[in-house]
Structures are given as C-alpha cells and as structure tokens.
C-alpha cells in the first residue's frame, strides 16, 4: 500500500496535465495551448511548493531534536537523533524525544 501512496503525486501531476492538454481544439497534437502550459506550470509549482515545505519541516524537526537532546544530555540522544534524521521515522523520533527527554537542562537553575 505504501508503494501506491508514494506514486500519488505523480499520478495527480500526469492526470492534471492530460486534462489540461485537451482544452484547446485548435492546437496541434504536438503543441500545447497556452492554457495547458499555464496549467502544467501551476501543477509543477504546487508540487515543488509541497516538497519544499515538507523538506523545511523535516529539517526543522531533525535539527531541533538533535540540538535539544544534546543540550539536555539525554540518555537517548543517539537514538532520537537517528530517528529524527530518517524521513519515515521523523515523527516517531520527535515523540520519543518529547516523552523521554530530561526535564531539566544541566548547568541551568531549576524552575
């Protein structure tokens, strides 16, 4: 099932491009109309925007977990860092870190 889900963005991209390419009846089969070209660029831009946002969130979580585990001298620092840096397990690494991290930071006064 996971293999099919990973192909979903490509399927949507090709479906949208096929539907948009059939709008203009005056265009030759080898040439896209301006509307179809604009539609393809819109789908491509949305696809890129989605992956850029995903990349930023993933890197933010991984870097924060790594720095926080190191700063708190967590006994599970290596485990949560590895889990956070692997994209399929980033959320699991974040949850494990939040549950198992020490409540105090060494060298700072306790609240």
Protein backbone atom coordinates (compact mmCIF):
# COMPACT_ATOMS: atom_id res chain seq x y z
CA UNK A 1 0.00 0.00 0.00
CA UNK A 2 2.86 2.36 0.81
CA UNK A 3 4.28 1.96 -2.68
CA UNK A 4 1.00 3.10 -4.19
CA UNK A 5 0.76 6.15 -1.94
CA UNK A 6 4.25 7.33 -2.90
CA UNK A 7 3.16 7.41 -6.57
CA UNK A 8 0.11 9.56 -5.81
CA UNK A 9 1.75 12.96 -6.55
CA UNK A 10 2.99 11.74 -9.94
CA UNK A 11 -0.41 10.30 -10.77
CA UNK A 12 -2.08 13.63 -9.93
CA UNK A 13 0.51 15.51 -11.98
CA UNK A 14 0.01 13.37 -15.09
CA UNK A 15 -3.77 13.36 -14.70
CA UNK A 16 -3.89 17.15 -14.45
CA UNK A 17 -1.53 17.58 -17.39
CA UNK A 18 -3.62 15.24 -19.54
CA UNK A 19 -6.86 17.03 -18.68
CA UNK A 20 -5.34 20.46 -19.23
CA UNK A 21 -3.75 19.43 -22.53
CA UNK A 22 -7.17 18.61 -24.03
CA UNK A 23 -8.75 22.06 -23.57
CA UNK A 24 -7.95 23.70 -26.91
CA UNK A 25 -9.23 22.11 -30.11
CA UNK A 26 -7.15 24.38 -32.40
CA UNK A 27 -3.79 23.20 -31.09
CA UNK A 28 -1.92 20.51 -32.98
CA UNK A 29 -1.33 17.22 -31.16
CA UNK A 30 2.36 18.04 -30.68
CA UNK A 31 1.79 21.56 -29.33
CA UNK A 32 0.13 22.57 -26.07
CA UNK A 33 -2.13 25.57 -25.82
CA UNK A 34 -1.19 28.49 -23.60
CA UNK A 35 -3.83 27.47 -21.07
CA UNK A 36 -2.44 23.94 -20.92
CA UNK A 37 1.10 25.26 -20.47
CA UNK A 38 -0.05 27.54 -17.67
CA UNK A 39 -1.87 24.62 -16.05
CA UNK A 40 1.22 22.44 -16.22
CA UNK A 41 3.33 25.18 -14.64
CA UNK A 42 0.74 25.62 -11.90
CA UNK A 43 0.71 21.89 -11.12
CA UNK A 44 4.51 21.75 -11.20
CA UNK A 45 4.81 24.81 -8.93
CA UNK A 46 2.32 23.32 -6.45
CA UNK A 47 4.21 20.03 -6.48
CA UNK A 48 7.54 21.81 -5.82
CA UNK A 49 5.98 24.00 -3.12
CA UNK A 50 4.64 20.93 -1.31
CA UNK A 51 8.05 19.22 -1.28
CA UNK A 52 9.89 22.37 -0.21
CA UNK A 53 7.52 22.82 2.74
CA UNK A 54 7.93 19.12 3.64
CA UNK A 55 11.73 19.48 3.48
CA UNK A 56 11.75 22.60 5.68
CA UNK A 57 9.52 20.97 8.32
CA UNK A 58 11.56 17.76 8.29
CA UNK A 59 14.88 19.59 8.64
CA UNK A 60 13.48 21.83 11.37
CA UNK A 61 12.29 18.89 13.45
CA UNK A 62 15.51 16.91 12.93
CA UNK A 63 17.79 19.82 13.84
CA UNK A 64 15.71 20.81 16.90
CA UNK A 65 15.60 17.24 18.25
CA UNK A 66 19.35 16.83 17.73
CA UNK A 67 20.24 20.12 19.47
CA UNK A 68 17.75 19.69 22.31
CA UNK A 69 18.84 16.12 23.07
CA UNK A 70 22.46 17.23 23.13
CA UNK A 71 21.74 20.29 25.30
CA UNK A 72 19.75 18.26 27.84
CA UNK A 73 22.31 15.42 27.76
CA UNK A 74 19.57 12.91 27.08
CA UNK A 75 20.47 9.24 27.55
CA UNK A 76 18.58 8.54 24.29
CA UNK A 77 20.30 11.30 22.30
CA UNK A 78 21.75 9.00 19.66
CA UNK A 79 18.51 7.06 19.16
CA UNK A 80 16.27 10.10 18.81
CA UNK A 81 18.79 11.86 16.56
CA UNK A 82 18.93 8.91 14.17
CA UNK A 83 15.14 8.53 14.21
CA UNK A 84 14.66 12.26 13.57
CA UNK A 85 17.06 12.30 10.61
CA UNK A 86 15.37 9.39 8.82
CA UNK A 87 12.36 10.85 6.96
CA UNK A 88 9.97 7.91 7.53
CA UNK A 89 10.61 7.95 11.29
CA UNK A 90 10.93 11.70 11.98
CA UNK A 91 7.63 11.96 13.85
CA UNK A 92 8.44 8.83 15.86
CA UNK A 93 11.81 10.33 16.82
CA UNK A 94 10.13 13.57 17.86
CA UNK A 95 7.58 11.75 20.03
CA UNK A 96 10.23 9.52 21.63
CA UNK A 97 12.36 12.58 22.38
CA UNK A 98 9.48 14.54 23.90
CA UNK A 99 8.49 11.60 26.11
CA UNK A 100 11.97 10.57 27.29
CA UNK A 101 13.90 13.85 27.48
CA UNK A 102 15.14 15.07 30.85
CA UNK A 103 13.00 17.82 32.35
CA UNK A 104 15.96 19.97 33.38
CA UNK A 105 18.91 21.34 31.46
CA UNK A 106 22.27 20.67 33.14
CA UNK A 107 24.03 23.84 34.30
CA UNK A 108 20.84 25.94 34.47
CA UNK A 109 18.77 26.64 37.57
CA UNK A 110 15.66 24.51 38.04
CA UNK A 111 12.39 26.37 37.54
